[in-house]
Protein backbone atom coordinates (compact mmCIF):
# COMPACT_ATOMS: atom_id res chain seq x y z
CA UNK A 1 6.64 -87.65 64.02
CA UNK A 2 3.47 -85.56 64.43
CA UNK A 3 1.68 -88.64 64.76
CA UNK A 4 -2.59 -88.01 62.64
CA UNK A 5 -5.19 -90.02 63.73
CA UNK A 6 -8.84 -89.24 62.24
CA UNK A 7 -11.39 -89.91 64.11
CA UNK A 8 -15.02 -90.57 62.77
CA UNK A 9 -18.06 -89.12 64.57
CA UNK A 10 -18.68 -92.23 65.76
CA UNK A 11 -16.03 -91.95 68.66
CA UNK A 12 -13.70 -93.40 69.97
CA UNK A 13 -15.44 -97.32 69.01
CA UNK A 14 -14.62 -96.69 65.61
CA UNK A 15 -10.82 -96.06 65.49
CA UNK A 16 -8.68 -99.37 64.64
CA UNK A 17 -6.51 -100.56 68.07
CA UNK A 18 -3.52 -99.57 66.55
CA UNK A 19 -4.27 -95.91 66.44
CA UNK A 20 -6.28 -96.20 69.87
CA UNK A 21 -3.02 -97.78 71.00
CA UNK A 22 -1.00 -94.85 69.61
CA UNK A 23 -3.43 -91.91 71.25
CA UNK A 24 -2.75 -93.95 75.20
CA UNK A 25 1.06 -93.79 74.60
CA UNK A 26 1.14 -90.62 73.58
CA UNK A 27 2.15 -87.35 75.94
CA UNK A 28 0.70 -84.25 74.14
CA UNK A 29 -2.83 -84.74 72.80
CA UNK A 30 -3.38 -82.12 70.18
CA UNK A 31 -6.97 -81.69 68.21
CA UNK A 32 -10.55 -79.57 68.40
CA UNK A 33 -12.15 -79.75 71.82
CA UNK A 34 -14.94 -82.12 70.40
CA UNK A 35 -12.02 -84.48 69.36
CA UNK A 36 -10.40 -84.54 72.46
CA UNK A 37 -13.76 -85.05 74.43
CA UNK A 38 -14.25 -88.98 72.30
CA UNK A 39 -10.97 -89.63 73.77
CA UNK A 40 -11.02 -91.59 77.44
CA UNK A 41 -9.26 -89.95 79.85
CA UNK A 42 -5.68 -90.86 80.78
CA UNK A 43 -3.71 -90.44 83.65
CA UNK A 44 -0.55 -87.81 82.82
CA UNK A 45 -1.08 -86.97 79.15
CA UNK A 46 -1.55 -83.63 78.30
CA UNK A 47 -4.37 -82.38 76.72
CA UNK A 48 -4.17 -78.81 74.28
CA UNK A 49 -7.47 -77.70 72.06
CA UNK A 50 -6.36 -76.02 68.74
CA UNK A 51 -5.13 -72.75 69.34
CA UNK A 52 -6.79 -69.23 67.21
CA UNK A 53 -5.88 -68.22 65.09
CA UNK A 54 -5.19 -72.10 64.43
CA UNK A 55 -2.14 -71.90 61.13
CA UNK A 56 -1.07 -68.54 61.99
CA UNK A 57 -0.03 -70.12 65.59
CA UNK A 58 1.06 -73.78 64.90
CA UNK A 59 4.32 -73.17 64.34
CA UNK A 60 5.18 -71.08 68.16
CA UNK A 61 2.40 -74.36 69.68
CA UNK A 62 4.81 -76.81 68.45
CA UNK A 63 8.04 -75.04 68.98
CA UNK A 64 6.55 -75.26 72.87
CA UNK A 65 5.47 -78.39 73.22
CA UNK A 66 8.15 -80.61 70.09
CA UNK A 67 6.55 -82.83 68.30
CA UNK A 68 8.24 -86.40 69.93
CA UNK A 69 5.21 -88.74 71.55
CA UNK A 70 2.63 -85.42 69.91
CA UNK A 71 -0.66 -87.10 69.14
CA UNK A 72 -2.84 -84.63 66.53
CA UNK A 73 -6.93 -85.39 66.08
CA UNK A 74 -8.45 -85.10 63.13
CA UNK A 75 -11.64 -85.44 61.35
CA UNK A 76 -11.79 -88.36 58.93
CA UNK A 77 -9.38 -88.12 56.66
CA UNK A 78 -6.94 -85.39 58.09
CA UNK A 79 -5.42 -84.93 54.29
CA UNK A 80 -8.82 -84.08 53.07
CA UNK A 81 -9.22 -80.63 54.10
CA UNK A 82 -7.71 -81.41 57.24
CA UNK A 83 -5.10 -80.47 60.27
CA UNK A 84 -2.83 -82.89 58.31
CA UNK A 85 -2.23 -80.92 54.82
CA UNK A 86 -2.10 -77.95 56.87
CA UNK A 87 1.09 -79.24 59.16
CA UNK A 88 2.86 -80.98 55.84
CA UNK A 89 2.99 -77.62 54.07
CA UNK A 90 4.44 -76.05 57.61
CA UNK A 91 6.64 -78.93 58.82
CA UNK A 92 6.96 -81.14 55.61
CA UNK A 93 5.68 -84.38 54.96
CA UNK A 94 8.97 -86.69 56.71
CA UNK A 95 7.81 -85.11 60.14
CA UNK A 96 4.50 -86.07 60.02
CA UNK A 97 2.77 -89.41 59.76
CA UNK A 98 -0.81 -90.18 58.93
CA UNK A 99 -3.36 -92.11 59.80
CA UNK A 100 -7.26 -91.44 58.19
CA UNK A 101 -10.01 -93.55 59.10
CA UNK A 102 -13.34 -93.07 57.45
CA UNK A 103 -14.15 -89.62 55.33
CA UNK A 104 -17.26 -87.55 55.20
CA UNK A 105 -17.10 -87.77 51.34
CA UNK A 106 -16.56 -91.38 51.97
CA UNK A 107 -19.67 -92.20 53.77
CA UNK A 108 -21.58 -89.75 51.67
CA UNK A 109 -20.93 -91.30 48.66
CA UNK A 110 -22.12 -94.46 50.34
CA UNK A 111 -25.45 -93.12 51.32
CA UNK A 112 -25.54 -91.91 47.69
CA UNK A 113 -24.58 -95.15 46.15
CA UNK A 114 -21.92 -92.84 44.03
CA UNK A 115 -18.80 -94.30 42.37
CA UNK A 116 -15.50 -92.43 43.19
CA UNK A 117 -14.87 -92.28 40.37
CA UNK A 118 -18.05 -90.38 39.10
CA UNK A 119 -18.03 -87.96 42.34
CA UNK A 120 -16.62 -84.29 42.19
CA UNK A 121 -15.14 -83.29 45.53
CA UNK A 122 -15.48 -79.87 46.03
CA UNK A 123 -14.48 -78.20 49.82
CA UNK A 124 -16.15 -75.15 50.22
CA UNK A 125 -14.67 -75.35 53.97
CA UNK A 126 -13.12 -71.72 54.53
CA UNK A 127 -13.94 -71.06 51.18
CA UNK A 128 -16.11 -68.91 48.95
CA UNK A 129 -19.72 -70.51 47.86
CA UNK A 130 -18.54 -69.45 44.21
CA UNK A 131 -15.79 -72.19 44.14
CA UNK A 132 -18.57 -74.15 42.77
CA UNK A 133 -19.49 -72.73 40.18
CA UNK A 134 -16.96 -74.45 38.25
CA UNK A 135 -18.75 -77.61 38.68
CA UNK A 136 -21.64 -77.32 37.83
CA UNK A 137 -21.86 -79.51 34.69
CA UNK A 138 -24.81 -81.23 33.40
CA UNK A 139 -25.33 -84.96 35.51
CA UNK A 140 -22.36 -83.64 38.00
CA UNK A 141 -22.54 -85.86 40.98
CA UNK A 142 -20.88 -83.43 43.49
CA UNK A 143 -19.96 -84.60 47.27
CA UNK A 144 -19.46 -80.23 49.03
CA UNK A 145 -17.56 -80.50 51.94
CA UNK A 146 -19.33 -77.42 54.33
CA UNK A 147 -18.35 -74.61 56.89
CA UNK A 148 -21.60 -74.58 58.61
CA UNK A 149 -25.33 -75.85 58.43
CA UNK A 150 -25.77 -72.59 56.80
CA UNK A 151 -23.56 -74.23 54.12
CA UNK A 152 -26.48 -75.65 51.87
CA UNK A 153 -28.91 -73.10 51.84
CA UNK A 154 -25.96 -71.09 50.31
CA UNK A 155 -25.35 -73.79 47.35
CA UNK A 156 -29.11 -73.92 47.20
CA UNK A 157 -29.24 -70.25 46.30
CA UNK A 158 -26.20 -70.39 44.18
CA UNK A 159 -28.01 -73.46 42.19
CA UNK A 160 -31.55 -71.23 41.16
CA UNK A 161 -28.86 -68.05 40.71
CA UNK A 162 -27.56 -70.38 38.00
CA UNK A 163 -30.38 -71.83 36.23
CA UNK A 164 -29.98 -75.00 37.84
CA UNK A 165 -32.72 -74.64 40.43
CA UNK A 166 -34.16 -78.87 39.47
CA UNK A 167 -30.74 -79.94 40.81
CA UNK A 168 -31.33 -82.61 43.50
CA UNK A 169 -29.97 -81.78 46.89
CA UNK A 170 -29.20 -84.27 49.71
CA UNK A 171 -27.53 -83.21 53.00
CA UNK A 172 -25.75 -85.80 55.26
CA UNK A 173 -25.31 -84.58 58.90
CA UNK A 174 -22.82 -86.73 62.29
CA UNK A 175 -22.60 -89.33 59.05
CA UNK A 176 -21.24 -92.87 61.19
CA UNK A 177 -22.29 -91.17 64.35
CA UNK A 178 -25.10 -91.04 66.65
CA UNK A 179 -26.90 -88.48 65.58
CA UNK A 180 -26.50 -89.36 61.74
CA UNK A 181 -29.37 -87.70 59.33
CA UNK A 182 -30.20 -86.33 56.23
CA UNK A 183 -32.19 -83.55 54.41
CA UNK A 184 -33.20 -83.96 50.29
CA UNK A 185 -35.27 -81.22 48.32
CA UNK A 186 -34.72 -79.57 44.41
CA UNK A 187 -32.22 -76.44 45.02
CA UNK A 188 -35.45 -74.63 44.25
CA UNK A 189 -37.41 -75.83 47.21
CA UNK A 190 -34.96 -76.17 49.80
CA UNK A 191 -35.56 -74.91 53.43
CA UNK A 192 -33.62 -72.21 54.05
CA UNK A 193 -33.17 -73.09 57.68
CA UNK A 194 -29.48 -74.35 58.79
CA UNK A 195 -28.85 -77.99 59.50
CA UNK A 196 -27.10 -79.50 62.07
CA UNK A 197 -23.34 -78.15 61.77
CA UNK A 198 -20.58 -81.08 60.72
CA UNK A 199 -22.90 -81.36 57.70
CA UNK A 200 -22.06 -83.05 54.00
CA UNK A 201 -23.93 -82.40 50.96
CA UNK A 202 -24.32 -84.22 48.13
CA UNK A 203 -25.48 -82.44 45.10
CA UNK A 204 -27.20 -84.02 41.63
CA UNK A 205 -27.12 -80.99 39.20
CA UNK A 206 -29.46 -80.70 36.66
CA UNK A 207 -29.48 -80.95 32.78
CA UNK A 208 -30.28 -77.46 32.50
CA UNK A 209 -26.75 -76.86 33.42
CA UNK A 210 -26.06 -77.20 29.67
CA UNK A 211 -27.85 -74.14 29.36
CA UNK A 212 -25.14 -71.97 31.41
CA UNK A 213 -22.28 -69.93 29.12
CA UNK A 214 -19.83 -71.02 31.97
CA UNK A 215 -20.31 -74.90 31.86
CA UNK A 216 -18.01 -77.35 30.57
CA UNK A 217 -14.12 -77.12 31.24
CA UNK A 218 -13.52 -76.48 27.01
CA UNK A 219 -12.31 -73.26 26.24
CA UNK A 220 -14.07 -70.48 23.76
CA UNK A 221 -16.65 -69.64 25.81
CA UNK A 222 -18.56 -66.50 25.03
CA UNK A 223 -17.92 -63.35 25.39
CA UNK A 224 -21.02 -63.00 27.42
CA UNK A 225 -20.05 -64.81 29.96
CA UNK A 226 -17.81 -62.61 30.94
CA UNK A 227 -17.73 -58.55 32.22
CA UNK A 228 -15.80 -56.74 29.63
CA UNK A 229 -15.51 -53.34 28.24
CA UNK A 230 -13.92 -54.61 25.04
CA UNK A 231 -10.94 -55.71 25.80
CA UNK A 232 -11.39 -59.51 25.59
CA UNK A 233 -9.58 -62.47 23.47
CA UNK A 234 -12.55 -63.20 21.64
CA UNK A 235 -13.56 -66.69 21.75
CA UNK A 236 -13.02 -68.44 18.83
CA UNK A 237 -8.92 -66.35 19.03
CA UNK A 238 -9.01 -67.21 22.26
CA UNK A 239 -9.53 -71.12 21.73
CA UNK A 240 -7.02 -71.08 19.47
CA UNK A 241 -4.82 -69.61 21.95
CA UNK A 242 -5.39 -71.44 25.16
CA UNK A 243 -5.12 -74.72 22.62
CA UNK A 244 -0.92 -73.63 22.44
CA UNK A 245 -0.97 -72.52 25.91
CA UNK A 246 -2.51 -76.43 26.99
CA UNK A 247 -3.27 -75.91 30.59
CA UNK A 248 -2.00 -78.94 32.79
CA UNK A 249 -2.84 -79.56 36.16
CA UNK A 250 -0.95 -77.22 38.69
CA UNK A 251 0.98 -75.10 36.50
CA UNK A 252 0.89 -71.89 36.41
CA UNK A 253 0.10 -69.11 33.46
CA UNK A 254 1.42 -65.03 33.34
CA UNK A 255 -1.68 -63.10 31.30
CA UNK A 256 0.00 -59.98 30.64
CA UNK A 257 -2.33 -57.25 30.12
CA UNK A 258 -4.88 -59.03 31.19
CA UNK A 259 -8.25 -56.98 30.07
CA UNK A 260 -11.38 -59.22 31.18
CA UNK A 261 -9.22 -61.69 32.38
CA UNK A 262 -10.85 -64.24 29.81
CA UNK A 263 -7.11 -66.42 28.73
CA UNK A 264 -6.25 -66.99 32.45
CA UNK A 265 -10.15 -68.21 33.84
CA UNK A 266 -10.46 -70.41 31.30
CA UNK A 267 -6.97 -71.37 31.93
CA UNK A 268 -7.78 -71.77 35.39
CA UNK A 269 -11.02 -74.05 34.54
CA UNK A 270 -9.82 -76.09 32.42
CA UNK A 271 -6.93 -78.22 34.54
CA UNK A 272 -7.40 -79.37 38.78
CA UNK A 273 -4.72 -76.97 40.59
CA UNK A 274 -4.25 -74.49 37.21
CA UNK A 275 -3.68 -71.00 38.76
CA UNK A 276 -2.88 -67.59 36.89
CA UNK A 277 -1.45 -64.18 37.48
CA UNK A 278 -3.22 -61.33 35.65
CA UNK A 279 -1.20 -59.05 35.50
CA UNK A 280 -3.08 -55.64 34.34
CA UNK A 281 -2.11 -51.46 34.43
CA UNK A 282 -6.22 -50.47 34.73
CA UNK A 283 -7.88 -50.34 38.02
CA UNK A 284 -11.44 -51.04 36.72
CA UNK A 285 -9.99 -53.96 34.43
CA UNK A 286 -8.57 -55.52 37.45
CA UNK A 287 -11.75 -55.37 40.05
CA UNK A 288 -13.80 -56.61 36.73
CA UNK A 289 -11.04 -59.87 36.19
CA UNK A 290 -11.77 -60.45 39.89
CA UNK A 291 -15.92 -60.30 39.65
CA UNK A 292 -15.63 -62.71 36.57
CA UNK A 293 -13.24 -65.22 38.42
CA UNK A 294 -15.47 -65.02 41.38
CA UNK A 295 -18.74 -65.43 39.31
CA UNK A 296 -16.81 -68.41 37.37
CA UNK A 297 -15.86 -70.00 40.50
CA UNK A 298 -12.33 -69.57 40.21
CA UNK A 299 -11.93 -66.81 43.15
CA UNK A 300 -8.38 -67.74 44.15
CA UNK A 301 -6.97 -69.46 40.79
CA UNK A 302 -6.62 -66.48 39.15
CA UNK A 303 -4.54 -63.52 41.47
CA UNK A 304 -5.19 -60.33 39.87
CA UNK A 305 -1.78 -57.88 40.02
CA UNK A 306 -2.71 -53.98 39.37
CA UNK A 307 0.79 -53.14 37.10
CA UNK A 308 1.56 -52.23 34.13
CA UNK A 309 4.10 -54.31 31.77
CA UNK A 310 4.08 -52.80 28.98
CA UNK A 311 6.82 -50.39 28.65
CA UNK A 312 8.40 -52.75 31.18
CA UNK A 313 8.15 -50.08 33.45
CA UNK A 314 10.54 -50.65 37.07
CA UNK A 315 6.99 -50.94 38.63
CA UNK A 316 6.30 -53.52 35.89
CA UNK A 317 9.92 -55.15 35.73
CA UNK A 318 9.87 -55.30 40.12
CA UNK A 319 6.37 -56.96 39.84
CA UNK A 320 7.33 -59.69 37.50
CA UNK A 321 10.60 -60.38 39.49
CA UNK A 322 8.41 -60.83 41.99
CA UNK A 323 6.04 -63.62 40.28
CA UNK A 324 7.19 -67.76 40.54
CA UNK A 325 8.36 -68.25 37.00
CA UNK A 326 5.87 -69.09 34.90
CA UNK A 327 4.55 -72.36 33.02
CA UNK A 328 2.83 -69.97 29.92
CA UNK A 329 2.98 -67.13 29.15
CA UNK A 330 0.10 -65.16 27.48
CA UNK A 331 0.56 -61.72 25.48
CA UNK A 332 -2.62 -60.69 24.53
CA UNK A 333 -1.73 -57.17 22.98
CA UNK A 334 1.85 -55.05 23.92
CA UNK A 335 4.42 -57.24 23.26
CA UNK A 336 7.84 -55.80 23.13
CA UNK A 337 11.03 -57.61 22.34
CA UNK A 338 12.53 -56.19 26.00
CA UNK A 339 9.18 -59.00 27.47
CA UNK A 340 9.41 -61.18 24.79
CA UNK A 341 12.51 -61.91 26.15
CA UNK A 342 12.08 -61.41 29.84
CA UNK A 343 9.30 -63.61 29.48
CA UNK A 344 11.23 -66.44 27.27
CA UNK A 345 13.74 -66.19 29.76
CA UNK A 346 11.81 -67.07 33.04
CA UNK A 347 9.43 -69.47 31.20
CA UNK A 348 10.34 -73.37 32.87
CA UNK A 349 11.52 -75.76 30.71
CA UNK A 350 9.31 -77.13 28.21
CA UNK A 351 6.80 -74.18 28.69
CA UNK A 352 4.41 -72.30 26.50
CA UNK A 353 4.23 -68.51 25.38
CA UNK A 354 1.38 -67.22 22.81
CA UNK A 355 1.32 -63.67 22.03
CA UNK A 356 -1.22 -61.81 19.55
CA UNK A 357 -0.79 -58.28 17.46
CA UNK A 358 -3.26 -56.69 15.44
CA UNK A 359 -1.36 -53.83 14.34
CA UNK A 360 2.02 -54.00 11.73
CA UNK A 361 4.72 -52.12 15.16
CA UNK A 362 3.47 -55.22 16.96
CA UNK A 363 3.24 -57.71 14.16
CA UNK A 364 6.78 -57.21 13.33
CA UNK A 365 7.88 -57.26 17.17
CA UNK A 366 6.10 -60.86 16.72
CA UNK A 367 8.32 -61.61 13.23
CA UNK A 368 11.48 -60.41 15.39
CA UNK A 369 10.36 -62.93 18.22
CA UNK A 370 9.90 -65.98 16.51
CA UNK A 371 13.20 -65.19 14.25
CA UNK A 372 15.21 -64.93 18.03
CA UNK A 373 13.14 -67.71 19.83
CA UNK A 374 11.61 -70.35 16.77
CA UNK A 375 7.99 -71.17 17.00
CA UNK A 376 5.40 -71.16 14.75
CA UNK A 377 3.51 -67.73 13.42
CA UNK A 378 -0.50 -67.91 12.20
CA UNK A 379 -2.61 -65.94 11.16
CA UNK A 380 -5.73 -65.69 12.44
CA UNK A 381 -8.97 -64.37 10.53
CA UNK A 382 -12.50 -64.90 11.54
CA UNK A 383 -15.56 -63.72 10.20
CA UNK A 384 -19.06 -64.41 11.42
CA UNK A 385 -22.78 -64.18 9.48
CA UNK A 386 -24.54 -61.12 9.81
CA UNK A 387 -27.63 -59.48 8.75
CA UNK A 388 -27.25 -57.58 5.09
CA UNK A 389 -31.16 -56.42 4.20
CA UNK A 390 -33.60 -59.50 4.13
CA UNK A 391 -30.16 -61.71 3.64
CA UNK A 392 -27.11 -62.82 5.49
CA UNK A 393 -23.57 -61.82 4.47
CA UNK A 394 -20.21 -62.74 5.92
CA UNK A 395 -18.55 -59.77 8.22
CA UNK A 396 -14.62 -60.22 9.10
CA UNK A 397 -12.73 -60.02 12.28
CA UNK A 398 -10.15 -57.91 12.60
CA UNK A 399 -7.20 -60.87 11.50
CA UNK A 400 -4.75 -61.27 14.25
CA UNK A 401 -1.82 -62.12 14.32
CA UNK A 402 -0.51 -65.70 17.05
CA UNK A 403 3.45 -66.45 17.58
CA UNK A 404 3.48 -69.61 19.77
CA UNK A 405 6.45 -71.12 20.88
CA UNK A 406 7.73 -73.48 23.43
CA UNK A 407 10.69 -73.62 25.12
CA UNK A 408 13.04 -76.52 24.91
CA UNK A 409 13.92 -78.53 27.48
CA UNK A 410 17.94 -78.90 28.03
CA UNK A 411 19.44 -81.83 26.27
CA UNK A 412 19.94 -84.25 28.86
CA UNK A 413 16.51 -84.24 30.23
CA UNK A 414 15.20 -84.34 25.95
CA UNK A 415 17.24 -87.30 26.36
CA UNK A 416 15.68 -88.42 29.04
CA UNK A 417 12.17 -88.20 27.27
């Protein structure tokens, strides 16, 4: 076993006796230079600081030193943006045992008096500050794990940019240790001078966040929330599509012919750890999807792949072959019989498929797919009130035919439900 021991900024005295004994008996201690310096010298013990770049070098390090008698030191809870998560990814959970201490997020909530169930934790460690955008809902309480002392100023600038300049920020550094300190203020008045490193930021989002077009997890954001060239699934139809796609935590969507990426982005925003692959042949639109995903806070959750899916070209087919099996598939236009059957075959059991058509020829493809695979055909017609002289009159949008279907689970799994 690789034993991973969390250690607080308070140092060696804060480590429980059982974990102290584990550290003292280890033949090899691995960790950051700061963590290693917190532990008293132990005769005969080998100490190795993390290699650089750490993740890429970890397999070689443990191939060299083995795992028996090895203890890894980490900050607070090693499974919160910590090295324990990386070690489990590399070596499996049966090889890693974690001994957490109080995490910085727990200490920050304690200082703020915030219950865990009313607080969202967002990590910006090694990640873009754009990840915060998806969480800027009115009166949200956020604990932001920062890369370094420059992160609070970056967060304050983002809040001002998003129209949430009245949001209250409190930076806490060296929580639980002798150098603990804090700084508070409104985002618009935030001091750009970096705080000390080892900083956590508590954010109380103001009520003005309600005015943001991208606020909240519900689908159906207005078209102006996305950059687009007209190739976008309109909000009313998009909301219907996502209701049938049903985003769930950790699920993967294929958005084939993604256009602006609106469906893929709203899928990723709707559920924790949901991911989307947006397939788009036009390089300009692909770039817009990436920009939209970053601006709406899901830059890592939406992967953009440039390829043509329309006629299932050799390039498109090979790209789809390389993708993980989806939990849901959306085709905003250009569905062919071959693509419908391929997507249906790749769908996981219980997966959902939604496709739209606006032309009679495309509608016939949906009708045929419905005959082969079942599901529902729906005709969506939306009208908006627009000026007609001094009055208002209804202006219809182009009607959309929607095919939605769910792939059955295998018979033995159906019996278990």
